[in-house]
Amino acid sequence: MTPASEYLLALAHEIAQPYIQLPTIRAAMVTGSTAKGISDYYSDLDMTMYYANELPSENELAAIRRLHGANERKWLIGDRNTNSFAEAYDVHGIEVQIGHTTIAVWEDTIAEVLENLTCDTPIQKALEGTLACQALHGADYIDRWQAQIGAYPPALAEAMVKKHLAFFPVWGLQPHFRTRDASIWYHQILVEAAHNLMGVLAGLNRLYFTTFQFKRMGYFVHQMEIAPPNLAARLDA
């Protein structure tokens, strides 16, 4: 674990404490690069709080932010009326991103991928994050979700391969791109091909993948048992 991850993990435990005191909270976790042990100086802190039936009030959340020295949010995504949203605020100069969701909404979200076989969704990023997370509270809930998500359905693997097995034969048109001022289109095709390659390999290797904010490619490829030789280096070349 990097020194940055050690610091952020300790900070996550500190930040979680007042949330854990809320009456409806049942579980809390830290995920992302902190949980994976690969954070650096530029990393933010990703956390999620899970509640029994209703989210905390705006007043309760504002009081916790003030307790951590943040009077205002940096951003807010989602609608609390759907019982799931995320907020961010700074603590000691670090952006802390915290998701708030009820257990019912989260378990419906898991089912959207594992049962409905939804492939092209950012939800897969959340599932991957749950597999890598460290529990801060309610470890029994976290353990159950990790076991559920870790049992990657064969039907999902097949759906991922079918969804992403689409490659435009760019090599056949490559000479024409230079004469049509089409460099943006050309590079778009290359990016789409790389994304589809990752999607096919994700299915073959039973990994969760989304093109949404896809980063740390080397770490992702390193988890694959089935992959072309030197894949990450070749994609970066």
C-alpha atoms as a PDB file:
ATOM      1  CA  MET A   1       0.000   0.000   0.000  1.00  0.00           C
ATOM      2  CA  THR A   2       1.370   3.404  -0.955  1.00  0.00           C
ATOM      3  CA  PRO A   3       1.907   6.068   1.734  1.00  0.00           C
ATOM      4  CA  ALA A   4      -0.864   8.110   0.098  1.00  0.00           C
ATOM      5  CA  SER A   5      -3.289   5.196   0.439  1.00  0.00           C
ATOM      6  CA  GLU A   6      -2.331   4.697   4.078  1.00  0.00           C
ATOM      7  CA  TYR A   7      -3.044   8.364   4.783  1.00  0.00           C
ATOM      8  CA  LEU A   8      -6.340   8.344   2.863  1.00  0.00           C
ATOM      9  CA  LEU A   9      -7.500   5.134   4.533  1.00  0.00           C
ATOM     10  CA  ALA A  10      -6.931   6.650   7.968  1.00  0.00           C
ATOM     11  CA  LEU A  11      -8.760   9.783   6.828  1.00  0.00           C
ATOM     12  CA  ALA A  12     -11.671   7.659   5.575  1.00  0.00           C
ATOM     13  CA  HIS A  13     -12.081   6.077   9.015  1.00  0.00           C
ATOM     14  CA  GLU A  14     -12.076   9.554  10.556  1.00  0.00           C
ATOM     15  CA  ILE A  15     -14.613  10.943   8.086  1.00  0.00           C
ATOM     16  CA  ALA A  16     -16.909   7.936   8.472  1.00  0.00           C
ATOM     17  CA  GLN A  17     -17.344   8.266  12.236  1.00  0.00           C
ATOM     18  CA  PRO A  18     -20.163  10.849  12.338  1.00  0.00           C
ATOM     19  CA  TYR A  19     -21.999   9.084   9.509  1.00  0.00           C
ATOM     20  CA  ILE A  20     -21.841   5.820  11.451  1.00  0.00           C
ATOM     21  CA  GLN A  21     -23.720   7.542  14.285  1.00  0.00           C
ATOM     22  CA  LEU A  22     -26.730   8.262  12.060  1.00  0.00           C
ATOM     23  CA  PRO A  23     -29.748   6.150  13.061  1.00  0.00           C
ATOM     24  CA  THR A  24     -30.490   4.552   9.691  1.00  0.00           C
ATOM     25  CA  ILE A  25     -26.958   3.759   8.518  1.00  0.00           C
ATOM     26  CA  ARG A  26     -26.157   0.090   8.104  1.00  0.00           C
ATOM     27  CA  ALA A  27     -22.849   0.004   6.220  1.00  0.00           C
ATOM     28  CA  ALA A  28     -20.021   2.234   5.031  1.00  0.00           C
ATOM     29  CA  MET A  29     -17.030   1.588   2.806  1.00  0.00           C
ATOM     30  CA  VAL A  30     -14.034   3.176   1.140  1.00  0.00           C
ATOM     31  CA  THR A  31     -13.191   2.217  -2.414  1.00  0.00           C
ATOM     32  CA  GLY A  32     -11.169   3.376  -5.411  1.00  0.00           C
ATOM     33  CA  SER A  33      -7.415   3.764  -5.351  1.00  0.00           C
ATOM     34  CA  THR A  34      -7.416   4.082  -1.554  1.00  0.00           C
ATOM     35  CA  ALA A  35      -8.864   0.608  -1.038  1.00  0.00           C
ATOM     36  CA  LYS A  36      -6.646  -0.838  -3.771  1.00  0.00           C
ATOM     37  CA  GLY A  37      -3.546   0.653  -2.143  1.00  0.00           C
ATOM     38  CA  ILE A  38      -2.425   2.560  -5.248  1.00  0.00           C
ATOM     39  CA  SER A  39      -3.274   6.175  -4.379  1.00  0.00           C
ATOM     40  CA  ASP A  40      -0.894   8.996  -5.159  1.00  0.00           C
ATOM     41  CA  TYR A  41      -0.566  12.680  -4.297  1.00  0.00           C
ATOM     42  CA  TYR A  42      -3.397  13.609  -6.687  1.00  0.00           C
ATOM     43  CA  SER A  43      -5.925  10.991  -5.553  1.00  0.00           C
ATOM     44  CA  ASP A  44      -9.314  11.817  -4.135  1.00  0.00           C
ATOM     45  CA  LEU A  45     -11.193   9.747  -1.559  1.00  0.00           C
ATOM     46  CA  ASP A  46     -14.195   7.620  -2.613  1.00  0.00           C
ATOM     47  CA  MET A  47     -16.676   6.451   0.009  1.00  0.00           C
ATOM     48  CA  THR A  48     -20.248   5.166   0.122  1.00  0.00           C
ATOM     49  CA  MET A  49     -22.786   5.114   2.945  1.00  0.00           C
ATOM     50  CA  TYR A  50     -25.695   2.647   2.916  1.00  0.00           C
ATOM     51  CA  TYR A  51     -28.932   3.287   4.822  1.00  0.00           C
ATOM     52  CA  ALA A  52     -31.792   1.052   5.938  1.00  0.00           C
ATOM     53  CA  ASN A  53     -34.799   2.850   4.516  1.00  0.00           C
ATOM     54  CA  GLU A  54     -34.281   6.577   4.200  1.00  0.00           C
ATOM     55  CA  LEU A  55     -31.381   8.925   3.642  1.00  0.00           C
ATOM     56  CA  PRO A  56     -30.200  11.457   6.216  1.00  0.00           C
ATOM     57  CA  SER A  57     -31.758  14.895   6.040  1.00  0.00           C
ATOM     58  CA  GLU A  58     -29.969  17.783   4.376  1.00  0.00           C
ATOM     59  CA  ASN A  59     -29.484  19.326   7.813  1.00  0.00           C
ATOM     60  CA  GLU A  60     -27.801  16.173   9.114  1.00  0.00           C
ATOM     61  CA  LEU A  61     -25.455  15.988   6.135  1.00  0.00           C
ATOM     62  CA  ALA A  62     -24.643  19.700   6.345  1.00  0.00           C
ATOM     63  CA  ALA A  63     -23.788  19.325  10.036  1.00  0.00           C
ATOM     64  CA  ILE A  64     -21.360  16.497   9.248  1.00  0.00           C
ATOM     65  CA  ARG A  65     -19.732  18.522   6.484  1.00  0.00           C
ATOM     66  CA  ARG A  66     -19.231  21.431   8.878  1.00  0.00           C
ATOM     67  CA  LEU A  67     -17.777  19.031  11.441  1.00  0.00           C
ATOM     68  CA  HIS A  68     -15.162  18.133   8.817  1.00  0.00           C
ATOM     69  CA  GLY A  69     -14.476  21.811   8.072  1.00  0.00           C
ATOM     70  CA  ALA A  70     -16.451  22.045   4.836  1.00  0.00           C
ATOM     71  CA  ASN A  71     -19.230  24.612   4.718  1.00  0.00           C
ATOM     72  CA  GLU A  72     -20.213  23.933   1.117  1.00  0.00           C
ATOM     73  CA  ARG A  73     -20.360  21.026  -1.279  1.00  0.00           C
ATOM     74  CA  LYS A  74     -18.093  21.078  -4.325  1.00  0.00           C
ATOM     75  CA  TRP A  75     -20.698  19.212  -6.342  1.00  0.00           C
ATOM     76  CA  LEU A  76     -23.856  17.147  -6.058  1.00  0.00           C
ATOM     77  CA  ILE A  77     -24.908  14.384  -8.471  1.00  0.00           C
ATOM     78  CA  GLY A  78     -28.256  12.628  -8.437  1.00  0.00           C
ATOM     79  CA  ASP A  79     -31.583  13.270  -6.762  1.00  0.00           C
ATOM     80  CA  ARG A  80     -32.196  12.419  -3.124  1.00  0.00           C
ATOM     81  CA  ASN A  81     -35.834  11.713  -4.037  1.00  0.00           C
ATOM     82  CA  THR A  82     -34.569   8.543  -5.751  1.00  0.00           C
ATOM     83  CA  ASN A  83     -32.821   7.519  -2.504  1.00  0.00           C
ATOM     84  CA  SER A  84     -29.409   7.659  -4.143  1.00  0.00           C
ATOM     85  CA  PHE A  85     -27.035  10.564  -4.756  1.00  0.00           C
ATOM     86  CA  ALA A  86     -23.394  11.575  -4.353  1.00  0.00           C
ATOM     87  CA  GLU A  87     -21.726  14.677  -2.977  1.00  0.00           C
ATOM     88  CA  ALA A  88     -18.187  15.983  -2.693  1.00  0.00           C
ATOM     89  CA  TYR A  89     -16.424  18.349  -0.340  1.00  0.00           C
ATOM     90  CA  ASP A  90     -12.839  19.087   0.646  1.00  0.00           C
ATOM     91  CA  VAL A  91     -11.177  17.822   3.821  1.00  0.00           C
ATOM     92  CA  HIS A  92      -7.569  18.905   4.427  1.00  0.00           C
ATOM     93  CA  GLY A  93      -7.325  19.847   0.753  1.00  0.00           C
ATOM     94  CA  ILE A  94      -8.501  16.419  -0.443  1.00  0.00           C
ATOM     95  CA  GLU A  95     -11.705  15.983  -2.420  1.00  0.00           C
ATOM     96  CA  VAL A  96     -13.905  13.531  -0.558  1.00  0.00           C
ATOM     97  CA  GLN A  97     -16.608  11.956  -2.727  1.00  0.00           C
ATOM     98  CA  ILE A  98     -19.382  10.251  -0.782  1.00  0.00           C
ATOM     99  CA  GLY A  99     -22.268   8.274  -2.183  1.00  0.00           C
ATOM    100  CA  HIS A 100     -25.469   7.967  -0.158  1.00  0.00           C
ATOM    101  CA  THR A 101     -27.968   5.229  -1.001  1.00  0.00           C
ATOM    102  CA  THR A 102     -30.527   2.994   0.611  1.00  0.00           C
ATOM    103  CA  ILE A 103     -29.841  -0.712   0.705  1.00  0.00           C
ATOM    104  CA  ALA A 104     -32.928  -1.425  -1.411  1.00  0.00           C
ATOM    105  CA  VAL A 105     -31.776   0.901  -4.187  1.00  0.00           C
ATOM    106  CA  TRP A 106     -28.241  -0.503  -4.102  1.00  0.00           C
ATOM    107  CA  GLU A 107     -29.421  -4.115  -4.289  1.00  0.00           C
ATOM    108  CA  ASP A 108     -31.693  -3.219  -7.215  1.00  0.00           C
ATOM    109  CA  THR A 109     -28.629  -1.668  -8.844  1.00  0.00           C
ATOM    110  CA  ILE A 110     -26.652  -4.880  -8.415  1.00  0.00           C
ATOM    111  CA  ALA A 111     -29.504  -6.863  -9.950  1.00  0.00           C
ATOM    112  CA  GLU A 112     -29.553  -4.555 -12.979  1.00  0.00           C
ATOM    113  CA  VAL A 113     -26.190  -6.004 -14.016  1.00  0.00           C
ATOM    114  CA  LEU A 114     -26.178  -9.511 -12.546  1.00  0.00           C
ATOM    115  CA  GLU A 115     -29.757 -10.432 -13.453  1.00  0.00           C
ATOM    116  CA  ASN A 116     -30.747  -8.076 -16.277  1.00  0.00           C
ATOM    117  CA  LEU A 117     -27.278  -8.385 -17.867  1.00  0.00           C
ATOM    118  CA  THR A 118     -26.938  -4.665 -18.550  1.00  0.00           C
ATOM    119  CA  CYS A 119     -23.522  -4.249 -20.162  1.00  0.00           C
ATOM    120  CA  ASP A 120     -23.168  -0.612 -21.214  1.00  0.00           C
ATOM    121  CA  THR A 121     -23.663   1.071 -17.861  1.00  0.00           C
ATOM    122  CA  PRO A 122     -21.497   2.967 -15.352  1.00  0.00           C
ATOM    123  CA  ILE A 123     -23.048   0.684 -12.737  1.00  0.00           C
ATOM    124  CA  GLN A 124     -20.319  -1.836 -13.529  1.00  0.00           C
ATOM    125  CA  LYS A 125     -17.797   0.674 -12.175  1.00  0.00           C
ATOM    126  CA  ALA A 126     -19.700   0.663  -8.879  1.00  0.00           C
ATOM    127  CA  LEU A 127     -19.695  -3.143  -8.781  1.00  0.00           C
ATOM    128  CA  GLU A 128     -15.950  -3.265  -9.454  1.00  0.00           C
ATOM    129  CA  GLY A 129     -15.473  -0.679  -6.722  1.00  0.00           C
ATOM    130  CA  THR A 130     -17.455  -2.776  -4.258  1.00  0.00           C
ATOM    131  CA  LEU A 131     -15.291  -5.820  -4.939  1.00  0.00           C
ATOM    132  CA  ALA A 132     -12.188  -3.773  -4.165  1.00  0.00           C
ATOM    133  CA  CYS A 133     -13.609  -1.831  -1.213  1.00  0.00           C
ATOM    134  CA  GLN A 134     -12.743  -1.966   2.467  1.00  0.00           C
ATOM    135  CA  ALA A 135     -15.564  -1.940   4.993  1.00  0.00           C
ATOM    136  CA  LEU A 136     -15.669   0.917   7.483  1.00  0.00           C
ATOM    137  CA  HIS A 137     -18.929  -0.205   9.090  1.00  0.00           C
ATOM    138  CA  GLY A 138     -21.380  -3.058   8.598  1.00  0.00           C
ATOM    139  CA  ALA A 139     -18.877  -5.596   7.319  1.00  0.00           C
ATOM    140  CA  ASP A 140     -21.591  -8.278   7.130  1.00  0.00           C
ATOM    141  CA  TYR A 141     -23.415  -6.265   4.457  1.00  0.00           C
ATOM    142  CA  ILE A 142     -20.208  -5.544   2.547  1.00  0.00           C
ATOM    143  CA  ASP A 143     -19.126  -9.194   2.692  1.00  0.00           C
ATOM    144  CA  ARG A 144     -22.509 -10.331   1.358  1.00  0.00           C
ATOM    145  CA  TRP A 145     -22.425  -7.891  -1.555  1.00  0.00           C
ATOM    146  CA  GLN A 146     -18.834  -8.794  -2.400  1.00  0.00           C
ATOM    147  CA  ALA A 147     -19.744 -12.488  -2.483  1.00  0.00           C
ATOM    148  CA  GLN A 148     -22.750 -11.756  -4.694  1.00  0.00           C
ATOM    149  CA  ILE A 149     -20.820  -9.530  -7.099  1.00  0.00           C
ATOM    150  CA  GLY A 150     -17.811 -11.846  -7.087  1.00  0.00           C
ATOM    151  CA  ALA A 151     -19.960 -14.679  -8.474  1.00  0.00           C
ATOM    152  CA  TYR A 152     -19.773 -13.267 -12.007  1.00  0.00           C
ATOM    153  CA  PRO A 153     -22.648 -14.868 -13.968  1.00  0.00           C
ATOM    154  CA  PRO A 154     -21.662 -16.835 -17.093  1.00  0.00           C
ATOM    155  CA  ALA A 155     -24.604 -15.182 -18.866  1.00  0.00           C
ATOM    156  CA  LEU A 156     -23.104 -11.760 -18.140  1.00  0.00           C
ATOM    157  CA  ALA A 157     -19.737 -12.874 -19.524  1.00  0.00           C
ATOM    158  CA  GLU A 158     -21.446 -13.989 -22.729  1.00  0.00           C
ATOM    159  CA  ALA A 159     -23.445 -10.758 -22.938  1.00  0.00           C
ATOM    160  CA  MET A 160     -20.302  -8.651 -22.496  1.00  0.00           C
ATOM    161  CA  VAL A 161     -18.496 -10.464 -25.304  1.00  0.00           C
ATOM    162  CA  LYS A 162     -21.479 -10.179 -27.649  1.00  0.00           C
ATOM    163  CA  LYS A 163     -21.957  -6.502 -26.811  1.00  0.00           C
ATOM    164  CA  HIS A 164     -18.350  -5.515 -27.475  1.00  0.00           C
ATOM    165  CA  LEU A 165     -17.420  -7.885 -30.296  1.00  0.00           C
ATOM    166  CA  ALA A 166     -17.657  -5.110 -32.890  1.00  0.00           C
ATOM    167  CA  PHE A 167     -14.554  -3.757 -34.599  1.00  0.00           C
ATOM    168  CA  PHE A 168     -14.537  -1.328 -37.520  1.00  0.00           C
ATOM    169  CA  PRO A 169     -11.922  -2.405 -40.131  1.00  0.00           C
ATOM    170  CA  VAL A 170     -10.001   0.837 -39.887  1.00  0.00           C
ATOM    171  CA  TRP A 171      -6.961  -0.663 -41.618  1.00  0.00           C
ATOM    172  CA  GLY A 172      -8.887  -0.853 -44.878  1.00  0.00           C
ATOM    173  CA  LEU A 173      -9.637   2.874 -44.923  1.00  0.00           C
ATOM    174  CA  GLN A 174      -6.467   4.198 -43.316  1.00  0.00           C
ATOM    175  CA  PRO A 175      -5.074   5.756 -46.551  1.00  0.00           C
ATOM    176  CA  HIS A 176      -8.326   7.670 -47.046  1.00  0.00           C
ATOM    177  CA  PHE A 177      -8.288   9.302 -43.609  1.00  0.00           C
ATOM    178  CA  ARG A 178      -5.171  11.295 -44.486  1.00  0.00           C
ATOM    179  CA  THR A 179      -6.797  12.740 -47.608  1.00  0.00           C
ATOM    180  CA  ARG A 180     -10.156  13.548 -45.978  1.00  0.00           C
ATOM    181  CA  ASP A 181      -8.979  15.595 -42.985  1.00  0.00           C
ATOM    182  CA  ALA A 182     -10.533  12.941 -40.750  1.00  0.00           C
ATOM    183  CA  SER A 183      -8.007  12.606 -37.942  1.00  0.00           C
ATOM    184  CA  ILE A 184     -10.642  13.098 -35.225  1.00  0.00           C
ATOM    185  CA  TRP A 185     -12.846  10.371 -36.706  1.00  0.00           C
ATOM    186  CA  TYR A 186      -9.818   8.097 -37.108  1.00  0.00           C
ATOM    187  CA  HIS A 187      -8.834   8.446 -33.467  1.00  0.00           C
ATOM    188  CA  GLN A 188     -12.446   8.036 -32.393  1.00  0.00           C
ATOM    189  CA  ILE A 189     -12.489   4.658 -34.155  1.00  0.00           C
ATOM    190  CA  LEU A 190      -9.266   3.653 -32.407  1.00  0.00           C
ATOM    191  CA  VAL A 191     -10.668   4.592 -28.990  1.00  0.00           C
ATOM    192  CA  GLU A 192     -13.902   2.706 -29.667  1.00  0.00           C
ATOM    193  CA  ALA A 193     -11.897  -0.332 -30.767  1.00  0.00           C
ATOM    194  CA  ALA A 194      -9.806  -0.181 -27.585  1.00  0.00           C
ATOM    195  CA  HIS A 195     -12.955   0.081 -25.470  1.00  0.00           C
ATOM    196  CA  ASN A 196     -14.520  -2.873 -27.259  1.00  0.00           C
ATOM    197  CA  LEU A 197     -11.348  -4.905 -26.815  1.00  0.00           C
ATOM    198  CA  MET A 198     -11.450  -4.174 -23.075  1.00  0.00           C
ATOM    199  CA  GLY A 199     -15.125  -5.149 -22.996  1.00  0.00           C
ATOM    200  CA  VAL A 200     -14.551  -8.491 -24.722  1.00  0.00           C
ATOM    201  CA  LEU A 201     -11.615  -9.293 -22.455  1.00  0.00           C
ATOM    202  CA  ALA A 202     -13.615  -8.209 -19.403  1.00  0.00           C
ATOM    203  CA  GLY A 203     -16.259 -10.785 -20.270  1.00  0.00           C
ATOM    204  CA  LEU A 204     -13.700 -13.518 -20.914  1.00  0.00           C
ATOM    205  CA  ASN A 205     -11.941 -12.753 -17.636  1.00  0.00           C
ATOM    206  CA  ARG A 206     -15.112 -12.189 -15.565  1.00  0.00           C
ATOM    207  CA  LEU A 207     -14.213  -8.566 -14.827  1.00  0.00           C
ATOM    208  CA  TYR A 208     -16.558  -5.607 -14.485  1.00  0.00           C
ATOM    209  CA  PHE A 209     -15.913  -2.903 -17.072  1.00  0.00           C
ATOM    210  CA  THR A 210     -17.395   0.355 -18.264  1.00  0.00           C
ATOM    211  CA  THR A 211     -16.055   2.961 -20.641  1.00  0.00           C
ATOM    212  CA  PHE A 212     -17.196   5.619 -18.146  1.00  0.00           C
ATOM    213  CA  GLN A 213     -14.090   7.343 -16.751  1.00  0.00           C
ATOM    214  CA  PHE A 214     -11.962   4.308 -17.615  1.00  0.00           C
ATOM    215  CA  LYS A 215      -8.512   4.772 -16.089  1.00  0.00           C
ATOM    216  CA  ARG A 216      -5.676   2.779 -14.513  1.00  0.00           C
ATOM    217  CA  MET A 217      -5.673   0.542 -17.561  1.00  0.00           C
ATOM    218  CA  GLY A 218      -2.464  -1.202 -16.523  1.00  0.00           C
ATOM    219  CA  TYR A 219      -3.987  -2.238 -13.202  1.00  0.00           C
ATOM    220  CA  PHE A 220      -7.095  -3.511 -14.992  1.00  0.00           C
ATOM    221  CA  VAL A 221      -5.153  -5.511 -17.583  1.00  0.00           C
ATOM    222  CA  HIS A 222      -2.899  -6.977 -14.878  1.00  0.00           C
ATOM    223  CA  GLN A 223      -5.947  -8.783 -13.449  1.00  0.00           C
ATOM    224  CA  MET A 224      -6.581 -10.632 -16.723  1.00  0.00           C
ATOM    225  CA  GLU A 225      -5.624 -14.264 -17.196  1.00  0.00           C
ATOM    226  CA  ILE A 226      -6.725 -14.119 -20.841  1.00  0.00           C
ATOM    227  CA  ALA A 227      -5.152 -11.225 -22.771  1.00  0.00           C
ATOM    228  CA  PRO A 228      -2.839 -10.530 -25.723  1.00  0.00           C
ATOM    229  CA  PRO A 229       0.857 -10.227 -24.784  1.00  0.00           C
ATOM    230  CA  ASN A 230       1.979  -6.809 -23.519  1.00  0.00           C
ATOM    231  CA  LEU A 231      -1.549  -5.458 -24.013  1.00  0.00           C
ATOM    232  CA  ALA A 232      -1.305  -2.352 -21.838  1.00  0.00           C
ATOM    233  CA  ALA A 233       2.029  -1.270 -23.320  1.00  0.00           C
ATOM    234  CA  ARG A 234       0.769  -1.802 -26.860  1.00  0.00           C
ATOM    235  CA  LEU A 235      -2.387   0.241 -26.248  1.00  0.00           C
ATOM    236  CA  ASP A 236      -0.284   3.033 -24.768  1.00  0.00           C
ATOM    237  CA  ALA A 237       2.160   3.011 -27.676  1.00  0.00           C
END
